[in-house]
Amino acid sequence: MPKMKTRRGAAKRFKLTASGRIKRNKANHRHMLIRRSKKVKRNMRHTGLVDSSNLKNVKRMLGV
């Protein structure tokens, strides 16, 4: 059976933590930021975790 290939787009967007969870960047931080509050923009700087409903698909894309 051949090795499973990693989806390169997913590999650039997600990182695996030591405990096995998957980090992701927050969305909506590219443009039209003038209408958002400072608190919202500040919270979007930090990374989030992939939701449990998407975890199986993301792990499959990463080949984990």
N, C-alpha and C. Protein backbone atom coordinates (compact mmCIF):
# COMPACT_ATOMS: atom_id res chain seq x y z
N MET A 1 0.85 -1.19 0.00
CA MET A 1 0.00 0.00 0.00
C MET A 1 0.89 1.25 0.00
N PRO A 2 0.62 2.21 -0.88
CA PRO A 2 1.48 3.39 -0.95
C PRO A 2 1.28 4.32 0.24
N LYS A 3 2.27 5.20 0.43
CA LYS A 3 2.18 6.17 1.51
C LYS A 3 1.06 7.16 1.22
N MET A 4 0.48 7.69 2.29
CA MET A 4 -0.58 8.67 2.13
C MET A 4 0.03 10.05 1.92
N LYS A 5 -0.41 10.76 0.90
CA LYS A 5 0.13 12.08 0.61
C LYS A 5 -0.55 13.14 1.48
N THR A 6 0.21 14.16 1.84
CA THR A 6 -0.31 15.28 2.60
C THR A 6 -0.87 16.31 1.64
N ARG A 7 -2.01 16.87 1.97
CA ARG A 7 -2.55 17.97 1.16
C ARG A 7 -1.78 19.23 1.55
N ARG A 8 -1.01 19.78 0.61
CA ARG A 8 -0.07 20.84 0.91
C ARG A 8 -0.76 22.12 1.37
N GLY A 9 -1.95 22.40 0.85
CA GLY A 9 -2.68 23.59 1.29
C GLY A 9 -3.06 23.49 2.76
N ALA A 10 -3.44 22.28 3.19
CA ALA A 10 -3.80 22.07 4.59
C ALA A 10 -2.56 22.11 5.48
N ALA A 11 -1.45 21.61 4.98
CA ALA A 11 -0.21 21.60 5.78
C ALA A 11 0.27 23.02 6.07
N LYS A 12 -0.02 23.96 5.16
CA LYS A 12 0.38 25.34 5.37
C LYS A 12 -0.54 26.08 6.33
N ARG A 13 -1.76 25.57 6.51
CA ARG A 13 -2.75 26.27 7.32
C ARG A 13 -2.88 25.73 8.74
N PHE A 14 -2.54 24.47 8.95
CA PHE A 14 -2.75 23.82 10.24
C PHE A 14 -1.44 23.31 10.81
N LYS A 15 -1.32 23.34 12.14
CA LYS A 15 -0.15 22.80 12.82
C LYS A 15 -0.61 21.87 13.93
N LEU A 16 0.10 20.79 14.11
CA LEU A 16 -0.22 19.80 15.12
C LEU A 16 0.45 20.18 16.44
N THR A 17 -0.30 20.14 17.55
CA THR A 17 0.28 20.43 18.86
C THR A 17 0.86 19.14 19.45
N ALA A 18 1.58 19.28 20.55
CA ALA A 18 2.21 18.11 21.18
C ALA A 18 1.16 17.14 21.73
N SER A 19 0.01 17.69 22.14
CA SER A 19 -1.03 16.83 22.70
C SER A 19 -1.93 16.22 21.64
N GLY A 20 -1.68 16.53 20.35
CA GLY A 20 -2.44 15.92 19.27
C GLY A 20 -3.58 16.77 18.75
N ARG A 21 -3.79 17.94 19.34
CA ARG A 21 -4.82 18.83 18.82
C ARG A 21 -4.25 19.61 17.65
N ILE A 22 -5.10 20.30 16.90
CA ILE A 22 -4.65 20.99 15.69
C ILE A 22 -4.95 22.48 15.82
N LYS A 23 -3.90 23.30 15.65
CA LYS A 23 -4.03 24.75 15.71
C LYS A 23 -4.41 25.29 14.35
N ARG A 24 -5.13 26.40 14.36
CA ARG A 24 -5.52 27.08 13.12
C ARG A 24 -5.50 28.57 13.37
N ASN A 25 -5.47 29.35 12.29
CA ASN A 25 -5.56 30.80 12.40
C ASN A 25 -7.02 31.23 12.36
N LYS A 26 -7.31 32.37 12.98
CA LYS A 26 -8.67 32.89 12.98
C LYS A 26 -8.98 33.51 11.62
N ALA A 27 -10.24 33.48 11.25
CA ALA A 27 -10.69 34.01 9.96
C ALA A 27 -11.04 35.49 10.08
N ASN A 28 -11.32 36.10 8.92
CA ASN A 28 -11.82 37.47 8.81
C ASN A 28 -10.83 38.52 9.31
N HIS A 29 -9.55 38.33 9.02
CA HIS A 29 -8.55 39.29 9.48
C HIS A 29 -7.74 39.83 8.30
N ARG A 30 -8.36 39.94 7.12
CA ARG A 30 -7.63 40.37 5.93
C ARG A 30 -7.95 41.81 5.54
N HIS A 31 -9.23 42.15 5.44
CA HIS A 31 -9.60 43.50 5.00
C HIS A 31 -10.93 43.88 5.62
N MET A 32 -11.33 45.13 5.42
CA MET A 32 -12.55 45.70 6.01
C MET A 32 -12.52 45.58 7.54
N LEU A 33 -11.38 45.94 8.12
CA LEU A 33 -11.21 45.82 9.57
C LEU A 33 -11.62 47.10 10.30
N ILE A 34 -11.94 48.15 9.56
CA ILE A 34 -12.23 49.42 10.21
C ILE A 34 -13.53 49.35 11.01
N ARG A 35 -14.43 48.47 10.61
CA ARG A 35 -15.71 48.37 11.31
C ARG A 35 -15.61 47.49 12.56
N ARG A 36 -14.55 46.73 12.70
CA ARG A 36 -14.44 45.82 13.84
C ARG A 36 -13.79 46.54 15.03
N SER A 37 -14.18 46.12 16.21
CA SER A 37 -13.63 46.74 17.41
C SER A 37 -12.19 46.28 17.63
N LYS A 38 -11.47 47.02 18.46
CA LYS A 38 -10.09 46.65 18.76
C LYS A 38 -10.02 45.30 19.46
N LYS A 39 -10.99 45.03 20.30
CA LYS A 39 -11.02 43.76 21.04
C LYS A 39 -11.16 42.57 20.08
N VAL A 40 -12.02 42.71 19.09
CA VAL A 40 -12.23 41.63 18.13
C VAL A 40 -10.96 41.41 17.30
N LYS A 41 -10.35 42.52 16.85
CA LYS A 41 -9.13 42.39 16.04
C LYS A 41 -7.99 41.79 16.85
N ARG A 42 -7.91 42.15 18.12
CA ARG A 42 -6.86 41.61 18.99
C ARG A 42 -7.06 40.10 19.20
N ASN A 43 -8.30 39.68 19.38
CA ASN A 43 -8.57 38.26 19.60
C ASN A 43 -8.33 37.43 18.34
N MET A 44 -8.44 38.06 17.16
CA MET A 44 -8.20 37.32 15.92
C MET A 44 -6.72 37.07 15.68
N ARG A 45 -5.83 37.78 16.40
CA ARG A 45 -4.40 37.56 16.24
C ARG A 45 -3.97 36.20 16.77
N HIS A 46 -4.65 35.72 17.80
CA HIS A 46 -4.26 34.47 18.44
C HIS A 46 -4.80 33.28 17.66
N THR A 47 -4.13 32.15 17.83
CA THR A 47 -4.56 30.95 17.14
C THR A 47 -5.73 30.30 17.87
N GLY A 48 -6.50 29.53 17.12
CA GLY A 48 -7.60 28.77 17.69
C GLY A 48 -7.34 27.30 17.48
N LEU A 49 -8.27 26.48 17.92
CA LEU A 49 -8.17 25.03 17.72
C LEU A 49 -9.26 24.59 16.76
N VAL A 50 -8.97 23.56 16.00
CA VAL A 50 -9.95 23.01 15.07
C VAL A 50 -11.05 22.35 15.88
N ASP A 51 -12.29 22.62 15.48
CA ASP A 51 -13.45 22.07 16.18
C ASP A 51 -13.50 20.55 16.04
N SER A 52 -14.10 19.91 17.01
CA SER A 52 -14.14 18.44 17.02
C SER A 52 -14.91 17.89 15.83
N SER A 53 -15.88 18.65 15.29
CA SER A 53 -16.65 18.17 14.14
C SER A 53 -15.80 18.13 12.87
N ASN A 54 -14.74 18.95 12.79
CA ASN A 54 -13.88 18.98 11.61
C ASN A 54 -12.56 18.24 11.81
N LEU A 55 -12.32 17.77 13.01
CA LEU A 55 -11.01 17.20 13.36
C LEU A 55 -10.66 15.99 12.50
N LYS A 56 -11.62 15.13 12.27
CA LYS A 56 -11.36 13.91 11.50
C LYS A 56 -10.93 14.23 10.07
N ASN A 57 -11.62 15.19 9.44
CA ASN A 57 -11.29 15.56 8.07
C ASN A 57 -9.94 16.25 7.97
N VAL A 58 -9.63 17.11 8.93
CA VAL A 58 -8.36 17.83 8.90
C VAL A 58 -7.20 16.87 9.13
N LYS A 59 -7.37 15.93 10.06
CA LYS A 59 -6.32 14.95 10.29
C LYS A 59 -6.06 14.08 9.07
N ARG A 60 -7.13 13.77 8.35
CA ARG A 60 -6.98 12.99 7.12
C ARG A 60 -6.22 13.78 6.08
N MET A 61 -6.48 15.08 5.98
CA MET A 61 -5.78 15.92 5.00
C MET A 61 -4.29 16.04 5.36
N LEU A 62 -3.99 16.05 6.66
CA LEU A 62 -2.60 16.18 7.09
C LEU A 62 -1.86 14.84 7.07
N GLY A 63 -2.58 13.76 6.93
CA GLY A 63 -1.95 12.44 6.91
C GLY A 63 -1.53 11.99 8.29
N VAL A 64 -2.25 12.43 9.32
CA VAL A 64 -1.92 12.08 10.71
C VAL A 64 -2.65 10.81 11.10
